[in-house]
Every structure is written in C-alpha cells, then in structure tokens.
Protein backbone atom coordinates (compact mmCIF):
# COMPACT_ATOMS: atom_id res chain seq x y z
CA MET A 1 -26.30 77.45 -38.98
CA SER A 2 -25.31 78.24 -42.55
CA PHE A 3 -23.45 81.20 -43.98
CA GLU A 4 -23.35 82.98 -47.29
CA GLY A 5 -19.61 82.99 -47.87
CA SER A 6 -17.05 80.34 -48.81
CA TYR A 7 -17.94 76.81 -49.99
CA MET A 8 -21.54 77.90 -50.71
CA GLY A 9 -22.47 77.45 -47.07
CA ALA A 10 -21.14 73.89 -46.71
CA ASN A 11 -20.47 73.78 -42.96
CA ASP A 12 -18.89 70.33 -43.16
CA ARG A 13 -15.95 71.89 -45.00
CA ILE A 14 -15.14 74.32 -42.19
CA SER A 15 -12.92 73.07 -39.37
CA ASP A 16 -12.97 74.14 -35.73
CA LEU A 17 -9.86 76.23 -36.46
CA ALA A 18 -11.50 78.35 -39.17
CA ILE A 19 -11.07 82.13 -38.82
CA MET A 20 -14.27 83.75 -40.04
CA GLU A 21 -14.72 87.31 -41.23
CA CYS A 22 -17.75 89.59 -41.40
CA LYS A 23 -18.35 90.40 -45.06
CA ILE A 24 -19.90 93.76 -44.11
CA CYS A 25 -17.25 95.34 -41.87
CA TRP A 26 -14.41 92.74 -42.13
CA THR A 27 -14.30 92.04 -38.38
CA PRO A 28 -12.75 88.61 -37.84
CA TYR A 29 -13.78 85.87 -35.43
CA ASP A 30 -10.72 83.83 -34.41
CA PRO A 31 -11.56 80.77 -32.27
CA SER A 32 -8.12 80.94 -30.67
CA GLU A 33 -9.12 84.30 -29.18
CA GLY A 34 -12.88 84.02 -28.64
CA ASP A 35 -15.01 87.14 -28.21
CA ASP A 36 -14.68 89.27 -25.07
CA THR A 37 -17.77 91.33 -25.94
CA ARG A 38 -19.99 88.26 -25.52
CA GLN A 39 -17.80 86.46 -22.97
CA ILE A 40 -16.96 83.71 -25.48
CA ASP A 41 -13.89 81.86 -24.25
CA ALA A 42 -10.91 81.13 -26.45
CA GLY A 43 -11.19 77.75 -28.13
CA VAL A 44 -14.88 77.99 -29.12
CA PRO A 45 -15.28 77.20 -32.85
CA PHE A 46 -17.40 79.53 -34.98
CA ALA A 47 -19.98 76.78 -35.51
CA ASP A 48 -20.47 76.48 -31.74
CA LEU A 49 -21.19 80.15 -31.11
CA PRO A 50 -24.67 80.89 -29.68
CA GLY A 51 -27.40 81.23 -32.28
CA ASP A 52 -27.96 84.88 -31.40
CA TRP A 53 -24.28 85.78 -31.64
CA SER A 54 -23.57 88.64 -34.04
CA CYS A 55 -20.63 90.68 -35.27
CA PRO A 56 -19.27 92.70 -32.32
CA THR A 57 -18.62 95.67 -34.63
CA CYS A 58 -21.66 95.99 -36.91
CA CYS A 59 -24.09 93.47 -35.38
CA ALA A 60 -24.33 91.44 -38.60
CA PRO A 61 -25.65 87.91 -37.95
CA LYS A 62 -23.45 84.82 -38.15
CA GLU A 63 -24.80 84.05 -41.62
CA GLN A 64 -22.92 87.08 -42.95
CA PHE A 65 -19.49 85.69 -42.07
CA MET A 66 -17.08 84.21 -44.58
CA VAL A 67 -14.02 81.98 -44.20
CA ARG A 68 -10.88 84.12 -44.11
CA GLU A 69 -8.50 81.24 -43.47
CA ASP A 70 -8.85 77.70 -42.18
CA PRO A 71 -5.72 75.97 -40.88
CA GLY A 72 -7.68 72.77 -40.26
CA ALA A 73 -9.39 72.50 -43.63
CA ALA A 74 -7.15 69.78 -45.08
CA SER A 75 -7.51 67.50 -42.06
CA LEU A 76 -11.27 68.08 -41.99
CA LEU A 77 -11.63 67.15 -45.65
CA GLU A 78 -9.57 64.02 -44.99
CA ALA A 79 -11.77 63.12 -42.02
CA ASN A 80 -14.89 63.64 -44.15
CA ARG A 81 -13.46 61.40 -46.87
CA ILE A 82 -12.66 58.61 -44.44
CA GLY A 83 -16.01 59.10 -42.76
CA ALA A 84 -17.83 58.45 -46.03
CA ILE A 85 -15.99 55.14 -46.38
CA THR A 86 -16.59 53.99 -42.82
CA ARG A 87 -20.28 54.89 -43.05
CA ARG A 88 -20.55 52.40 -45.92
CA LEU A 89 -18.76 49.82 -43.77
CA GLU A 90 -21.21 50.41 -40.91
CA ALA A 91 -24.21 50.24 -43.25
CA ASP A 92 -22.99 46.94 -44.67
CA PHE A 93 -22.69 45.29 -41.28
CA ARG A 94 -25.97 46.75 -40.04
CA GLU A 95 -27.54 44.99 -43.00
CA ILE A 96 -25.88 41.74 -41.89
CA TYR A 97 -27.22 42.25 -38.38
CA ASN A 98 -30.78 42.92 -39.53
CA ALA A 99 -30.81 40.12 -42.11
CA LYS A 100 -28.95 37.35 -40.30
CA MET A 101 -27.80 38.09 -36.78
CA ARG A 102 -30.60 39.87 -34.90
CA ASP A 103 -31.98 36.72 -33.22
CA VAL A 104 -28.75 34.70 -32.95
CA PRO A 105 -27.90 33.88 -29.29
CA ILE A 106 -24.30 35.15 -29.50
CA VAL A 107 -25.54 38.69 -30.21
CA ASN A 108 -25.19 41.28 -27.44
CA LYS A 109 -28.17 43.59 -28.01
CA SER A 110 -26.63 46.27 -25.80
CA LEU A 111 -24.18 46.98 -28.62
CA GLN A 112 -24.47 48.44 -32.11
CA VAL A 113 -22.36 48.59 -35.25
CA GLU A 114 -19.79 51.39 -35.12
CA ALA A 115 -16.51 52.08 -36.93
CA VAL A 116 -13.99 53.44 -34.43
CA GLY A 117 -10.71 55.29 -34.96
CA PHE A 118 -10.28 54.82 -38.71
CA ALA A 119 -7.34 56.72 -40.19
CA ARG A 120 -4.73 56.34 -42.89
CA HIS A 121 -2.06 53.71 -42.33
CA GLY A 122 0.31 53.57 -45.26
CA ASP A 123 -1.81 52.89 -48.33
CA THR A 124 -4.68 51.51 -46.24
CA LEU A 125 -7.28 52.71 -43.74
CA LEU A 126 -7.02 51.10 -40.31
CA GLY A 127 -9.55 51.09 -37.51
CA VAL A 128 -11.74 48.92 -35.30
CA LEU A 129 -15.23 47.73 -36.17
CA VAL A 130 -17.50 47.12 -33.17
CA SER A 131 -20.69 45.11 -33.64
CA PRO A 132 -23.13 43.22 -31.41
CA TRP A 133 -21.31 39.95 -32.15
CA PHE A 134 -17.65 40.80 -32.78
CA MET A 135 -14.89 43.39 -32.47
CA ASN A 136 -12.28 43.32 -35.24
CA LEU A 137 -9.31 45.28 -36.41
CA ILE A 138 -10.14 46.23 -40.00
CA LEU A 139 -7.92 47.19 -42.91
CA LEU A 140 -9.58 48.86 -45.91
CA PRO A 141 -7.93 49.91 -49.18
CA ASP A 142 -7.23 53.63 -49.44
CA ALA A 143 -7.56 55.68 -52.61
CA GLY A 144 -5.97 54.00 -55.61
CA GLN A 145 -5.98 50.54 -54.04
CA ASP A 146 -8.13 47.74 -55.48
CA TRP A 147 -8.86 44.81 -53.18
CA SER A 148 -11.79 43.41 -55.14
CA GLY A 149 -9.71 40.34 -56.00
CA LEU A 150 -9.09 39.28 -52.39
CA LYS A 151 -9.82 35.59 -51.82
CA ALA A 152 -12.15 35.10 -48.87
CA GLY A 153 -10.55 33.10 -46.07
CA ARG A 154 -6.95 33.73 -47.04
CA LYS A 155 -4.76 34.62 -44.05
CA GLU A 156 -2.15 37.36 -43.95
CA VAL A 157 0.20 38.37 -41.14
CA VAL A 158 0.53 42.14 -40.76
CA SER A 159 3.25 43.74 -38.64
CA PHE A 160 2.68 46.61 -36.21
CA PRO A 161 5.00 48.03 -33.54
CA SER A 162 3.20 45.93 -30.92
CA GLY A 163 3.61 42.63 -32.79
CA GLU A 164 2.44 40.40 -35.62
CA TYR A 165 -1.31 40.14 -36.27
CA GLU A 166 -3.16 37.62 -38.42
CA PHE A 167 -5.78 39.14 -40.73
CA ILE A 168 -8.30 37.17 -42.79
CA HIS A 169 -9.33 38.40 -46.23
CA ASN A 170 -12.96 38.88 -47.17
CA THR A 171 -15.17 40.81 -49.58
CA ARG A 172 -18.59 42.40 -49.39
CA GLU A 173 -20.64 43.78 -52.26
CA THR A 174 -20.99 47.23 -50.70
CA ILE A 175 -17.45 47.88 -49.44
CA GLY A 176 -15.48 45.44 -51.58
CA GLY A 177 -12.35 43.77 -50.22
CA TYR A 178 -11.23 44.15 -46.62
CA LYS A 179 -9.00 42.42 -44.06
CA ALA A 180 -10.10 41.57 -40.51
CA CYS A 181 -8.29 40.50 -37.34
CA SER A 182 -10.55 39.15 -34.59
CA LEU A 183 -10.27 40.79 -31.16
CA PHE A 184 -13.45 39.62 -29.44
CA SER A 185 -16.24 37.26 -30.44
CA PRO A 186 -18.81 36.93 -28.98
CA MET A 187 -19.23 40.27 -27.20
CA HIS A 188 -20.97 39.31 -23.98
CA ASP A 189 -18.07 40.72 -21.90
CA PHE A 190 -19.34 44.22 -22.61
CA LYS A 191 -22.25 45.62 -20.62
CA ARG A 192 -22.53 48.93 -22.51
CA HIS A 193 -21.74 50.10 -26.02
CA LYS A 194 -19.47 52.81 -24.60
CA ASP A 195 -17.35 50.13 -22.89
CA ALA A 196 -16.80 48.44 -26.25
CA THR A 197 -15.89 51.66 -28.08
CA ASP A 198 -13.54 52.72 -25.26
CA VAL A 199 -11.70 49.41 -25.63
CA ALA A 200 -11.64 49.84 -29.41
CA ARG A 201 -9.94 53.23 -29.03
CA ALA A 202 -7.44 51.74 -26.59
CA VAL A 203 -6.65 49.03 -29.14
CA ARG A 204 -6.01 51.62 -31.82
CA ILE A 205 -3.46 53.37 -29.59
CA ALA A 206 -1.77 50.31 -28.09
CA LEU A 207 -1.34 48.72 -31.51
CA PHE A 208 1.49 51.17 -32.18
CA GLN A 209 3.21 50.91 -28.79
CA ASP A 210 6.49 48.99 -28.87
CA GLU A 211 6.20 47.98 -25.22
CA ASN A 212 3.37 45.56 -26.09
CA ARG A 213 5.54 43.49 -28.45
CA ALA A 214 6.95 41.15 -25.79
CA GLU A 215 3.41 40.09 -24.90
CA THR A 216 1.99 39.81 -28.39
CA ASP A 217 4.84 37.64 -29.64
CA ARG A 218 4.06 34.77 -27.25
CA ALA A 219 1.23 32.71 -28.73
CA ALA A 220 0.73 30.45 -25.71
CA ASP A 221 0.54 33.39 -23.33
CA ILE A 222 -1.89 35.11 -25.65
CA ARG A 223 -4.35 32.25 -25.57
CA ALA A 224 -3.98 31.75 -21.82
CA ALA A 225 -4.50 35.44 -21.12
CA ARG A 226 -7.68 35.55 -23.14
CA GLU A 227 -9.07 32.35 -21.58
CA ASP A 228 -8.30 33.64 -18.07
CA HIS A 229 -9.97 36.94 -18.86
CA VAL A 230 -13.16 35.31 -20.19
CA ALA A 231 -13.32 33.01 -17.16
CA ALA A 232 -12.98 35.96 -14.79
CA VAL A 233 -15.72 37.89 -16.53
CA ASN A 234 -18.09 34.93 -16.49
CA ALA A 235 -17.48 34.39 -12.78
CA ALA A 236 -18.34 38.00 -12.03
CA GLU A 237 -21.27 38.49 -14.42
CA ASP A 238 -23.75 38.75 -11.51
CA GLU A 239 -21.85 41.75 -10.19
CA ALA A 240 -22.34 44.02 -13.18
CA ASP A 241 -21.36 47.19 -11.38
CA ASN A 242 -17.97 45.74 -10.48
CA ASP A 243 -17.38 43.84 -13.71
CA PRO A 244 -13.88 44.84 -14.90
CA ALA A 245 -13.37 46.14 -18.41
CA PRO A 246 -11.20 43.94 -20.67
CA THR A 247 -7.53 44.53 -20.00
CA ARG A 248 -5.33 46.14 -22.63
CA ARG A 249 -3.33 42.90 -22.83
CA ALA A 250 -6.46 40.85 -23.57
CA VAL A 251 -7.60 43.35 -26.17
CA ILE A 252 -4.34 43.77 -28.00
CA THR A 253 -3.57 40.05 -28.11
CA GLY A 254 -7.07 38.68 -28.45
CA GLY A 255 -7.00 38.10 -32.20
CA LEU A 256 -3.52 36.59 -32.52
CA THR A 257 -3.41 32.90 -33.42
CA LEU A 258 -7.09 32.52 -32.50
CA THR A 259 -8.02 31.64 -36.05
CA GLU A 260 -11.12 29.71 -35.06
CA ASP A 261 -12.99 33.01 -34.54
CA ARG A 262 -14.67 34.19 -37.75
CA PRO A 263 -13.52 37.72 -38.52
CA ASP A 264 -16.78 39.18 -39.72
CA GLY A 265 -19.58 36.92 -38.52
CA SER A 266 -21.32 37.26 -41.87
CA ASP A 267 -22.20 33.57 -42.03
CA GLY A 268 -23.60 33.62 -38.51
C-alpha cells in the first residue's frame, strides 16, 4: 500500500502510531480507536488495514489518506537508521559464511546470520550477532564515532549493570571497526534458529539486570557453568525434543574470561 500524502508515499517513514487523514473529507483514522464501521479493533495500524478498507465518510481509498500526526515517527526513523547499519553487518558476515565457513565442521547449518536487538547504548550501538558458528555481543560506533583505527585482537573490558565483559577489537572492510564479546562458539547447542535468537534477546535484557552481577563477577564459576552446560547438552543430544535451551546464566556469562574463543570466526 502507498499513499499520495506526506513523505511522497514512503511507508517506511510512517509508524504504527500514525494518525492518518482523508485528504478529501478530512476524516481521520486513529489506530488507538480503530474503525467501528468496519469492525477494526483499536490498536490496528493504518498500514495493516484490509486492502479494501476505505474512508468511512466518503469511501475514498486508503491511497487518499495523508499523515496528520505521527507520535512514533522519531523512533521509527531511529529504528530505520539502525536497521541500515545492522543490515550491512549481516551482509558482511553472510559473505564470510559463503566464502569461508559454509563447509567448516563447526558450522550449524540450521542457523543463519541475524543481528538481534541492536539499539543505542551511549555513543555506540549494542546488540547480539547470531551466526551459524558463533553468537557474540557486538558494539558498533554510532554517528560521529570513528573506529577505523581499532587494532585487531586488542582486548577491552566493558562494564554493564550485570558485570564486566571482555570485548575484542576487530575491523571489516564493509562495516569498519567493531568490538565483539563471545557468548557461544560453536553453535551446536541450538536446534533451531529461533532458539538462538530467543537466547540473544534474553542476553540483551539480562545484560542490564543488576541481579546478574554476583554471577558474572566470578570467573571460575563462569567457566564451570559453561562447561557443565555444554556437557549436559551433549549428553542429551539424542533427545532433541527435550533438549533444554541454554540457561540465562550460561548465556550471560559465556563470553567472560573465555578468551580462547575467536569473537568473529572470520579466520575460520
């Protein structure tokens, strides 16, 4: 669906909160109210209205509606901006997969490259990158930051409410400098891609929870917890339906002090 009004019909600039208005009779469509005449419940965005929906007053088609106000426009534009950056990140690591990793035994072919939960964190962008051979916390420079001079392999400890995390610096031609903290590698614990992305989202939340700090500050416990978890998964791999998902503790602490895991897998 496109429309003839604001933003020259660019639907990706209209949020789910946008209040649209018929440019013929000025009847508004407010998603917080819906449309009783067509039994459209409150909460349905304009973009999700049925294709045959029309103005309840003059019967003008959806294409004749304009943006009257959009409370969610700023957040949508921010999401689109971050999305453009993370799509480059995904493309870069898909290229690594196709060029170097596709036939490597550590690859889990049930998984794919996906950037999960990226958002602003101070003057950086923080999220989780899932791939068929690793899951990493990733820090990217936000607007105005230049990380092109990062020295590959240098280690940096970054503090979060849940504890101290060791990130390794690296650079790629497409995305430039970035910092990575290993959570899982290899990725054979995960049976489905959705399992991996669910864990990635849990990581993104738990990273900022103070109650995890007591666990993440104990290096010996961190290593033991991860080793116990991997052993348990391996023992139960023949019972796929009952195979437990990685625990939040294992996920949140998996990358701490485990510096032998390569953060990006780019060298195989």
